[in-house]
Amino acid sequence: MRTDEFWQLIDAARAGGGGEPAAVAARAVALLAERDPEEIVGYAHHQQRVLAASYKVDLWGAAYLINGGASDDGFEHFRGWLMTQGRAVFAGAVADPDSLAELPQVRSAALSGEEFECADMLSVPWDAYRKATAADLPADRDPVRAPDLNDFWDFDDEDEARRRLPKLAALFVEPPEE
């Protein structure tokens, strides 16, 4: 499976249903399970590449600000949610995490406290493979390594948040009044 096919499948899963993250993940499982098992393995490999590419300290800081905290698992689940938003949003957030402040749902979360996570999206290839073959997804023969998180900063440091993520800090460090 090529990168374009990976994102096309996610776009197809996003179609209909109002884009609710858990529903996107469920539709992705159903769509992927209809494919050849080797394509499911390819999807899993691309998902690992996408997650590795998004394993960036400033994106973690953005998740921390938006969700009011982000553990290791919380950051994984945030990136699962981010995948459900499609390729353009995902790529934009990886390139510039502060761009998330432009999303209407993120802006409204500054008032509502809504958190963005989708653990189900992370298990799509395993669930699809099991559904298609009644077997477990084979271990990746060529695992993708996540880059080291260098330049880590204290996400609770409001001044650093304002410096690195000014638009998100404007929303979440000093949230707008209702």
N, C-alpha and C. Protein backbone atom coordinates (compact mmCIF):
# COMPACT_ATOMS: atom_id res chain seq x y z
N MET A 1 0.84 -1.17 0.00
CA MET A 1 0.00 0.00 0.00
C MET A 1 0.89 1.24 0.00
N ARG A 2 0.55 2.16 -0.86
CA ARG A 2 1.29 3.42 -0.95
C ARG A 2 0.67 4.45 0.01
N THR A 3 1.43 5.51 0.25
CA THR A 3 0.98 6.55 1.16
C THR A 3 -0.34 7.16 0.72
N ASP A 4 -0.48 7.43 -0.58
CA ASP A 4 -1.74 8.00 -1.08
C ASP A 4 -2.91 7.06 -0.80
N GLU A 5 -2.72 5.76 -0.97
CA GLU A 5 -3.78 4.79 -0.72
C GLU A 5 -4.14 4.76 0.77
N PHE A 6 -3.13 4.86 1.62
CA PHE A 6 -3.35 4.91 3.07
C PHE A 6 -4.30 6.05 3.41
N TRP A 7 -4.00 7.26 2.91
CA TRP A 7 -4.83 8.42 3.23
C TRP A 7 -6.16 8.37 2.51
N GLN A 8 -6.24 7.77 1.33
CA GLN A 8 -7.52 7.62 0.63
C GLN A 8 -8.46 6.73 1.43
N LEU A 9 -7.91 5.68 2.03
CA LEU A 9 -8.74 4.81 2.86
C LEU A 9 -9.28 5.58 4.06
N ILE A 10 -8.43 6.39 4.68
CA ILE A 10 -8.90 7.20 5.82
C ILE A 10 -9.95 8.20 5.37
N ASP A 11 -9.75 8.81 4.19
CA ASP A 11 -10.76 9.74 3.67
C ASP A 11 -12.09 9.04 3.42
N ALA A 12 -12.02 7.83 2.88
CA ALA A 12 -13.25 7.05 2.65
C ALA A 12 -13.92 6.74 3.98
N ALA A 13 -13.15 6.44 5.00
CA ALA A 13 -13.71 6.15 6.32
C ALA A 13 -14.31 7.41 6.95
N ARG A 14 -13.76 8.55 6.61
CA ARG A 14 -14.27 9.83 7.14
C ARG A 14 -15.59 10.22 6.51
N ALA A 15 -15.84 9.77 5.28
CA ALA A 15 -17.04 10.14 4.54
C ALA A 15 -18.28 9.64 5.27
N GLY A 16 -19.21 10.53 5.50
CA GLY A 16 -20.44 10.16 6.20
C GLY A 16 -20.20 10.06 7.70
N GLY A 17 -21.25 9.99 8.44
CA GLY A 17 -21.16 9.78 9.87
C GLY A 17 -20.68 10.98 10.67
N GLY A 18 -20.55 12.13 10.05
CA GLY A 18 -20.18 13.34 10.77
C GLY A 18 -18.74 13.41 11.24
N GLY A 19 -17.90 12.46 10.85
CA GLY A 19 -16.49 12.52 11.20
C GLY A 19 -16.17 12.19 12.65
N GLU A 20 -17.10 11.58 13.38
CA GLU A 20 -16.84 11.17 14.77
C GLU A 20 -15.65 10.21 14.76
N PRO A 21 -14.59 10.49 15.53
CA PRO A 21 -13.37 9.69 15.46
C PRO A 21 -13.56 8.18 15.62
N ALA A 22 -14.35 7.76 16.59
CA ALA A 22 -14.55 6.31 16.79
C ALA A 22 -15.25 5.70 15.58
N ALA A 23 -16.16 6.44 14.96
CA ALA A 23 -16.85 5.95 13.77
C ALA A 23 -15.89 5.88 12.58
N VAL A 24 -15.00 6.85 12.47
CA VAL A 24 -14.00 6.83 11.40
C VAL A 24 -13.13 5.58 11.56
N ALA A 25 -12.71 5.29 12.78
CA ALA A 25 -11.88 4.11 13.04
C ALA A 25 -12.64 2.84 12.69
N ALA A 26 -13.90 2.75 13.07
CA ALA A 26 -14.70 1.55 12.78
C ALA A 26 -14.87 1.36 11.27
N ARG A 27 -15.13 2.47 10.56
CA ARG A 27 -15.27 2.37 9.09
C ARG A 27 -13.93 2.01 8.45
N ALA A 28 -12.84 2.53 8.99
CA ALA A 28 -11.52 2.18 8.46
C ALA A 28 -11.26 0.68 8.62
N VAL A 29 -11.63 0.12 9.76
CA VAL A 29 -11.48 -1.33 9.97
C VAL A 29 -12.28 -2.09 8.93
N ALA A 30 -13.55 -1.70 8.74
CA ALA A 30 -14.41 -2.40 7.78
C ALA A 30 -13.86 -2.30 6.36
N LEU A 31 -13.44 -1.12 5.96
CA LEU A 31 -12.90 -0.93 4.60
C LEU A 31 -11.59 -1.70 4.41
N LEU A 32 -10.74 -1.65 5.39
CA LEU A 32 -9.45 -2.32 5.28
C LEU A 32 -9.61 -3.84 5.30
N ALA A 33 -10.56 -4.34 6.07
CA ALA A 33 -10.78 -5.79 6.17
C ALA A 33 -11.24 -6.39 4.84
N GLU A 34 -11.76 -5.55 3.95
CA GLU A 34 -12.19 -6.02 2.63
C GLU A 34 -11.01 -6.21 1.67
N ARG A 35 -9.86 -5.77 2.05
CA ARG A 35 -8.68 -5.82 1.19
C ARG A 35 -7.86 -7.08 1.43
N ASP A 36 -6.93 -7.28 0.54
CA ASP A 36 -6.01 -8.41 0.64
C ASP A 36 -5.18 -8.27 1.92
N PRO A 37 -4.90 -9.38 2.61
CA PRO A 37 -4.12 -9.29 3.85
C PRO A 37 -2.78 -8.57 3.69
N GLU A 38 -2.14 -8.71 2.54
CA GLU A 38 -0.87 -7.99 2.34
C GLU A 38 -1.08 -6.47 2.32
N GLU A 39 -2.22 -6.03 1.83
CA GLU A 39 -2.52 -4.60 1.85
C GLU A 39 -2.74 -4.12 3.29
N ILE A 40 -3.34 -4.97 4.10
CA ILE A 40 -3.54 -4.62 5.51
C ILE A 40 -2.19 -4.48 6.20
N VAL A 41 -1.28 -5.39 5.89
CA VAL A 41 0.08 -5.30 6.44
C VAL A 41 0.74 -4.00 5.96
N GLY A 42 0.53 -3.66 4.69
CA GLY A 42 1.07 -2.40 4.16
C GLY A 42 0.49 -1.19 4.86
N TYR A 43 -0.80 -1.23 5.15
CA TYR A 43 -1.44 -0.15 5.89
C TYR A 43 -0.78 0.00 7.27
N ALA A 44 -0.57 -1.14 7.93
CA ALA A 44 0.05 -1.10 9.26
C ALA A 44 1.42 -0.46 9.20
N HIS A 45 2.19 -0.80 8.17
CA HIS A 45 3.52 -0.22 8.03
C HIS A 45 3.43 1.29 7.80
N HIS A 46 2.50 1.71 6.95
CA HIS A 46 2.34 3.16 6.70
C HIS A 46 1.87 3.88 7.96
N GLN A 47 0.99 3.24 8.72
CA GLN A 47 0.54 3.87 9.95
C GLN A 47 1.72 4.08 10.90
N GLN A 48 2.60 3.10 10.99
CA GLN A 48 3.78 3.26 11.85
C GLN A 48 4.67 4.39 11.35
N ARG A 49 4.81 4.52 10.04
CA ARG A 49 5.61 5.62 9.49
C ARG A 49 4.98 6.98 9.81
N VAL A 50 3.66 7.06 9.68
CA VAL A 50 2.94 8.30 9.96
C VAL A 50 3.09 8.66 11.44
N LEU A 51 2.95 7.67 12.30
CA LEU A 51 3.10 7.94 13.73
C LEU A 51 4.52 8.35 14.08
N ALA A 52 5.50 7.72 13.45
CA ALA A 52 6.90 8.09 13.70
C ALA A 52 7.17 9.52 13.23
N ALA A 53 6.63 9.88 12.08
CA ALA A 53 6.85 11.23 11.54
C ALA A 53 6.21 12.29 12.43
N SER A 54 5.17 11.91 13.15
CA SER A 54 4.47 12.87 13.99
C SER A 54 4.95 12.85 15.44
N TYR A 55 5.94 12.06 15.72
CA TYR A 55 6.48 11.97 17.08
C TYR A 55 7.45 13.12 17.30
N LYS A 56 6.86 14.31 17.49
CA LYS A 56 7.64 15.54 17.61
C LYS A 56 7.27 16.27 18.89
N VAL A 57 8.27 16.85 19.49
CA VAL A 57 8.08 17.48 20.80
C VAL A 57 7.06 18.61 20.75
N ASP A 58 7.09 19.45 19.73
CA ASP A 58 6.14 20.57 19.69
C ASP A 58 4.72 20.09 19.42
N LEU A 59 4.56 18.99 18.69
CA LEU A 59 3.22 18.42 18.51
C LEU A 59 2.73 17.85 19.83
N TRP A 60 3.63 17.24 20.59
CA TRP A 60 3.27 16.75 21.92
C TRP A 60 2.86 17.93 22.80
N GLY A 61 3.60 19.04 22.70
CA GLY A 61 3.23 20.24 23.45
C GLY A 61 1.86 20.75 23.06
N ALA A 62 1.55 20.69 21.77
CA ALA A 62 0.22 21.11 21.31
C ALA A 62 -0.86 20.21 21.90
N ALA A 63 -0.62 18.89 21.89
CA ALA A 63 -1.58 17.95 22.47
C ALA A 63 -1.75 18.24 23.96
N TYR A 64 -0.66 18.55 24.62
CA TYR A 64 -0.68 18.85 26.05
C TYR A 64 -1.55 20.09 26.33
N LEU A 65 -1.36 21.13 25.54
CA LEU A 65 -2.15 22.35 25.72
C LEU A 65 -3.63 22.10 25.43
N ILE A 66 -3.90 21.47 24.31
CA ILE A 66 -5.28 21.26 23.87
C ILE A 66 -6.04 20.35 24.83
N ASN A 67 -5.41 19.27 25.24
CA ASN A 67 -6.10 18.27 26.07
C ASN A 67 -5.91 18.48 27.56
N GLY A 68 -5.22 19.54 27.94
CA GLY A 68 -5.00 19.79 29.36
C GLY A 68 -4.07 18.77 29.99
N GLY A 69 -3.13 18.28 29.19
CA GLY A 69 -2.18 17.27 29.62
C GLY A 69 -2.10 16.17 28.57
N ALA A 70 -0.96 15.48 28.51
CA ALA A 70 -0.81 14.38 27.54
C ALA A 70 0.32 13.47 27.99
N SER A 71 -0.05 12.32 28.53
CA SER A 71 0.93 11.28 28.87
C SER A 71 1.45 10.66 27.57
N ASP A 72 2.34 9.68 27.70
CA ASP A 72 2.81 8.96 26.50
C ASP A 72 1.61 8.40 25.74
N ASP A 73 0.73 7.68 26.45
CA ASP A 73 -0.45 7.11 25.80
C ASP A 73 -1.38 8.21 25.30
N GLY A 74 -1.52 9.26 26.08
CA GLY A 74 -2.37 10.37 25.65
C GLY A 74 -1.89 10.99 24.35
N PHE A 75 -0.57 11.11 24.18
CA PHE A 75 -0.02 11.65 22.94
C PHE A 75 -0.27 10.69 21.79
N GLU A 76 -0.14 9.39 22.04
CA GLU A 76 -0.46 8.39 21.00
C GLU A 76 -1.92 8.53 20.59
N HIS A 77 -2.81 8.60 21.55
CA HIS A 77 -4.24 8.68 21.27
C HIS A 77 -4.60 9.99 20.58
N PHE A 78 -3.91 11.06 20.93
CA PHE A 78 -4.12 12.35 20.24
C PHE A 78 -3.74 12.21 18.77
N ARG A 79 -2.63 11.55 18.49
CA ARG A 79 -2.23 11.36 17.10
C ARG A 79 -3.18 10.43 16.37
N GLY A 80 -3.81 9.49 17.10
CA GLY A 80 -4.87 8.68 16.49
C GLY A 80 -6.03 9.57 16.07
N TRP A 81 -6.42 10.50 16.95
CA TRP A 81 -7.47 11.46 16.60
C TRP A 81 -7.03 12.31 15.40
N LEU A 82 -5.79 12.74 15.43
CA LEU A 82 -5.29 13.59 14.36
C LEU A 82 -5.36 12.85 13.01
N MET A 83 -5.10 11.55 13.00
CA MET A 83 -5.24 10.77 11.77
C MET A 83 -6.67 10.82 11.25
N THR A 84 -7.65 10.81 12.16
CA THR A 84 -9.06 10.82 11.73
C THR A 84 -9.45 12.15 11.08
N GLN A 85 -8.61 13.15 11.21
CA GLN A 85 -8.89 14.46 10.62
C GLN A 85 -8.44 14.55 9.16
N GLY A 86 -7.73 13.53 8.67
CA GLY A 86 -7.31 13.50 7.28
C GLY A 86 -5.89 13.98 7.07
N ARG A 87 -5.43 13.74 5.86
CA ARG A 87 -4.03 13.99 5.51
C ARG A 87 -3.62 15.45 5.63
N ALA A 88 -4.46 16.36 5.13
CA ALA A 88 -4.07 17.78 5.12
C ALA A 88 -3.91 18.31 6.55
N VAL A 89 -4.86 17.99 7.41
CA VAL A 89 -4.78 18.46 8.80
C VAL A 89 -3.59 17.80 9.49
N PHE A 90 -3.43 16.49 9.28
CA PHE A 90 -2.33 15.77 9.92
C PHE A 90 -0.98 16.35 9.49
N ALA A 91 -0.79 16.49 8.18
CA ALA A 91 0.48 17.01 7.66
C ALA A 91 0.71 18.44 8.13
N GLY A 92 -0.35 19.24 8.14
CA GLY A 92 -0.21 20.62 8.61
C GLY A 92 0.20 20.68 10.07
N ALA A 93 -0.36 19.79 10.89
CA ALA A 93 -0.03 19.77 12.31
C ALA A 93 1.39 19.28 12.55
N VAL A 94 1.84 18.34 11.75
CA VAL A 94 3.22 17.85 11.88
C VAL A 94 4.20 18.96 11.49
N ALA A 95 3.89 19.66 10.41
CA ALA A 95 4.77 20.74 9.95
C ALA A 95 4.72 21.95 10.88
N ASP A 96 3.53 22.26 11.39
CA ASP A 96 3.34 23.43 12.25
C ASP A 96 2.25 23.12 13.27
N PRO A 97 2.63 22.57 14.42
CA PRO A 97 1.62 22.19 15.42
C PRO A 97 0.70 23.34 15.81
N ASP A 98 1.19 24.57 15.74
CA ASP A 98 0.38 25.73 16.10
C ASP A 98 -0.79 25.92 15.14
N SER A 99 -0.71 25.31 13.95
CA SER A 99 -1.81 25.41 12.97
C SER A 99 -3.09 24.77 13.49
N LEU A 100 -2.98 23.91 14.49
CA LEU A 100 -4.18 23.29 15.06
C LEU A 100 -5.11 24.33 15.66
N ALA A 101 -4.58 25.48 16.04
CA ALA A 101 -5.41 26.56 16.61
C ALA A 101 -6.42 27.08 15.60
N GLU A 102 -6.22 26.79 14.32
CA GLU A 102 -7.13 27.26 13.28
C GLU A 102 -8.33 26.34 13.08
N LEU A 103 -8.28 25.12 13.66
CA LEU A 103 -9.40 24.18 13.51
C LEU A 103 -10.57 24.62 14.39
N PRO A 104 -11.76 24.70 13.83
CA PRO A 104 -12.92 25.13 14.64
C PRO A 104 -13.14 24.28 15.89
N GLN A 105 -12.96 22.96 15.79
CA GLN A 105 -13.20 22.12 16.96
C GLN A 105 -12.15 22.36 18.04
N VAL A 106 -10.94 22.71 17.66
CA VAL A 106 -9.90 23.03 18.65
C VAL A 106 -10.22 24.37 19.30
N ARG A 107 -10.64 25.31 18.50
CA ARG A 107 -10.99 26.63 19.05
C ARG A 107 -12.14 26.50 20.05
N SER A 108 -13.14 25.69 19.72
CA SER A 108 -14.26 25.54 20.65
C SER A 108 -13.85 24.75 21.89
N ALA A 109 -12.84 23.89 21.77
CA ALA A 109 -12.37 23.13 22.93
C ALA A 109 -11.75 24.04 23.98
N ALA A 110 -11.28 25.21 23.57
CA ALA A 110 -10.72 26.16 24.54
C ALA A 110 -11.79 26.59 25.53
N LEU A 111 -13.05 26.57 25.09
CA LEU A 111 -14.16 26.93 25.98
C LEU A 111 -14.80 25.72 26.62
N SER A 112 -14.91 24.64 25.85
CA SER A 112 -15.66 23.46 26.32
C SER A 112 -14.82 22.49 27.14
N GLY A 113 -13.51 22.51 26.93
CA GLY A 113 -12.65 21.54 27.61
C GLY A 113 -12.64 20.18 26.93
N GLU A 114 -13.24 20.09 25.74
CA GLU A 114 -13.24 18.82 25.01
C GLU A 114 -11.81 18.36 24.76
N GLU A 115 -11.59 17.07 24.86
CA GLU A 115 -10.28 16.49 24.59
C GLU A 115 -10.36 15.69 23.31
N PHE A 116 -9.23 15.58 22.62
CA PHE A 116 -9.19 14.90 21.33
C PHE A 116 -8.26 13.70 21.40
N GLU A 117 -8.87 12.52 21.40
CA GLU A 117 -8.13 11.27 21.42
C GLU A 117 -8.91 10.23 20.64
N CYS A 118 -8.20 9.28 20.03
CA CYS A 118 -8.86 8.17 19.36
C CYS A 118 -7.91 6.97 19.35
N ALA A 119 -7.94 6.23 20.45
CA ALA A 119 -7.12 5.02 20.55
C ALA A 119 -7.54 3.99 19.51
N ASP A 120 -8.84 3.96 19.18
CA ASP A 120 -9.34 2.98 18.20
C ASP A 120 -8.65 3.10 16.85
N MET A 121 -8.26 4.32 16.49
CA MET A 121 -7.61 4.51 15.19
C MET A 121 -6.25 3.82 15.15
N LEU A 122 -5.62 3.69 16.29
CA LEU A 122 -4.30 3.07 16.35
C LEU A 122 -4.37 1.56 16.15
N SER A 123 -5.51 0.96 16.44
CA SER A 123 -5.64 -0.50 16.32
C SER A 123 -6.30 -0.93 15.02
N VAL A 124 -6.55 -0.01 14.10
CA VAL A 124 -7.23 -0.33 12.84
C VAL A 124 -6.59 -1.50 12.11
N PRO A 125 -5.27 -1.51 11.84
CA PRO A 125 -4.74 -2.63 11.05
C PRO A 125 -4.86 -3.97 11.77
N TRP A 126 -4.68 -3.98 13.09
CA TRP A 126 -4.79 -5.24 13.84
C TRP A 126 -6.21 -5.76 13.81
N ASP A 127 -7.18 -4.85 14.02
CA ASP A 127 -8.58 -5.26 14.01
C ASP A 127 -9.01 -5.71 12.61
N ALA A 128 -8.58 -5.00 11.59
CA ALA A 128 -8.94 -5.37 10.21
C ALA A 128 -8.33 -6.71 9.82
N TYR A 129 -7.09 -6.93 10.19
CA TYR A 129 -6.43 -8.19 9.84
C TYR A 129 -7.14 -9.36 10.53
N ARG A 130 -7.47 -9.18 11.80
CA ARG A 130 -8.17 -10.22 12.55
C ARG A 130 -9.53 -10.49 11.93
N LYS A 131 -10.22 -9.43 11.52
CA LYS A 131 -11.55 -9.57 10.90
C LYS A 131 -11.44 -10.29 9.55
N ALA A 132 -10.40 -9.98 8.79
CA ALA A 132 -10.24 -10.55 7.45
C ALA A 132 -9.71 -11.98 7.46
N THR A 133 -8.88 -12.31 8.45
CA THR A 133 -8.16 -13.59 8.41
C THR A 133 -8.39 -14.47 9.63
N ALA A 134 -9.00 -13.95 10.67
CA ALA A 134 -9.16 -14.64 11.95
C ALA A 134 -7.80 -14.98 12.57
N ALA A 135 -6.79 -14.22 12.20
CA ALA A 135 -5.44 -14.40 12.74
C ALA A 135 -4.90 -13.04 13.17
N ASP A 136 -3.81 -13.08 13.93
CA ASP A 136 -3.18 -11.84 14.35
C ASP A 136 -2.31 -11.28 13.24
N LEU A 137 -2.24 -9.97 13.19
CA LEU A 137 -1.38 -9.28 12.23
C LEU A 137 0.06 -9.71 12.47
N PRO A 138 0.76 -10.14 11.40
CA PRO A 138 2.16 -10.55 11.61
C PRO A 138 3.02 -9.38 12.09
N ALA A 139 4.04 -9.70 12.83
CA ALA A 139 4.98 -8.67 13.30
C ALA A 139 5.65 -8.02 12.09
N ASP A 140 5.84 -6.72 12.19
CA ASP A 140 6.48 -5.97 11.10
C ASP A 140 7.93 -6.42 10.97
N ARG A 141 8.29 -6.88 9.78
CA ARG A 141 9.66 -7.35 9.54
C ARG A 141 10.64 -6.18 9.42
N ASP A 142 10.11 -5.01 9.17
CA ASP A 142 10.95 -3.82 9.01
C ASP A 142 10.36 -2.69 9.86
N PRO A 143 10.46 -2.81 11.18
CA PRO A 143 9.80 -1.81 12.04
C PRO A 143 10.40 -0.41 11.84
N VAL A 144 9.52 0.56 11.96
CA VAL A 144 9.91 1.96 11.86
C VAL A 144 10.24 2.44 13.26
N ARG A 145 11.39 3.05 13.41
CA ARG A 145 11.79 3.57 14.72
C ARG A 145 11.32 5.01 14.87
N ALA A 146 10.78 5.28 16.03
CA ALA A 146 10.38 6.66 16.33
C ALA A 146 11.64 7.47 16.62
N PRO A 147 11.68 8.69 16.13
CA PRO A 147 12.85 9.52 16.41
C PRO A 147 12.94 9.88 17.89
N ASP A 148 14.14 10.23 18.31
CA ASP A 148 14.31 10.69 19.69
C ASP A 148 13.63 12.04 19.85
N LEU A 149 13.07 12.23 21.02
CA LEU A 149 12.48 13.53 21.33
C LEU A 149 13.56 14.41 21.95
N ASN A 150 14.30 15.11 21.10
CA ASN A 150 15.27 16.05 21.64
C ASN A 150 14.60 17.41 21.74
N ASP A 151 15.22 18.31 22.42
CA ASP A 151 14.66 19.64 22.59
C ASP A 151 13.34 19.61 23.36
N PHE A 152 13.23 18.67 24.30
CA PHE A 152 12.03 18.59 25.12
C PHE A 152 11.94 19.83 25.98
N TRP A 153 10.73 20.32 26.21
CA TRP A 153 10.53 21.49 27.04
C TRP A 153 9.40 21.23 28.04
N ASP A 154 9.36 22.04 29.05
CA ASP A 154 8.35 21.91 30.10
C ASP A 154 7.03 22.47 29.57
N PHE A 155 6.08 21.57 29.30
CA PHE A 155 4.80 21.98 28.73
C PHE A 155 3.98 22.85 29.68
N ASP A 156 4.32 22.84 30.96
CA ASP A 156 3.63 23.69 31.92
C ASP A 156 4.24 25.10 31.99
N ASP A 157 5.34 25.32 31.28
CA ASP A 157 5.99 26.63 31.25
C ASP A 157 5.21 27.52 30.27
N GLU A 158 4.39 28.40 30.82
CA GLU A 158 3.50 29.23 29.99
C GLU A 158 4.27 30.12 29.03
N ASP A 159 5.40 30.66 29.46
CA ASP A 159 6.19 31.52 28.58
C ASP A 159 6.74 30.73 27.40
N GLU A 160 7.22 29.51 27.68
CA GLU A 160 7.74 28.67 26.59
C GLU A 160 6.61 28.26 25.65
N ALA A 161 5.45 27.97 26.20
CA ALA A 161 4.29 27.63 25.36
C ALA A 161 3.93 28.80 24.45
N ARG A 162 3.95 30.01 25.00
CA ARG A 162 3.66 31.20 24.19
C ARG A 162 4.70 31.40 23.09
N ARG A 163 5.96 31.09 23.40
CA ARG A 163 7.03 31.26 22.42
C ARG A 163 6.93 30.22 21.29
N ARG A 164 6.69 28.98 21.65
CA ARG A 164 6.70 27.89 20.67
C ARG A 164 5.37 27.73 19.94
N LEU A 165 4.26 27.95 20.65
CA LEU A 165 2.93 27.70 20.09
C LEU A 165 2.03 28.90 20.42
N PRO A 166 2.32 30.06 19.83
CA PRO A 166 1.62 31.27 20.25
C PRO A 166 0.10 31.24 20.04
N LYS A 167 -0.37 30.66 18.94
CA LYS A 167 -1.81 30.64 18.69
C LYS A 167 -2.52 29.70 19.67
N LEU A 168 -1.94 28.53 19.89
CA LEU A 168 -2.54 27.60 20.85
C LEU A 168 -2.45 28.13 22.27
N ALA A 169 -1.33 28.77 22.60
CA ALA A 169 -1.19 29.35 23.94
C ALA A 169 -2.24 30.43 24.17
N ALA A 170 -2.52 31.22 23.13
CA ALA A 170 -3.55 32.25 23.27
C ALA A 170 -4.91 31.64 23.60
N LEU A 171 -5.15 30.43 23.11
CA LEU A 171 -6.42 29.76 23.38
C LEU A 171 -6.44 29.01 24.71
N PHE A 172 -5.32 28.35 25.05
CA PHE A 172 -5.36 27.41 26.16
C PHE A 172 -4.57 27.83 27.40
N VAL A 173 -3.58 28.71 27.26
CA VAL A 173 -2.86 29.17 28.45
C VAL A 173 -3.74 30.19 29.17
N GLU A 174 -4.31 31.08 28.40
CA GLU A 174 -5.27 32.04 28.93
C GLU A 174 -6.53 31.93 28.08
N PRO A 175 -7.35 30.90 28.36
CA PRO A 175 -8.52 30.65 27.51
C PRO A 175 -9.43 31.86 27.43
N PRO A 176 -10.05 32.02 26.24
CA PRO A 176 -10.99 33.14 26.10
C PRO A 176 -12.18 32.97 27.04
N GLU A 177 -12.74 34.07 27.44
CA GLU A 177 -13.91 34.00 28.31
C GLU A 177 -15.13 33.76 27.46
N GLU A 178 -16.09 33.05 28.05
CA GLU A 178 -17.31 32.71 27.31
C GLU A 178 -18.15 33.91 27.03
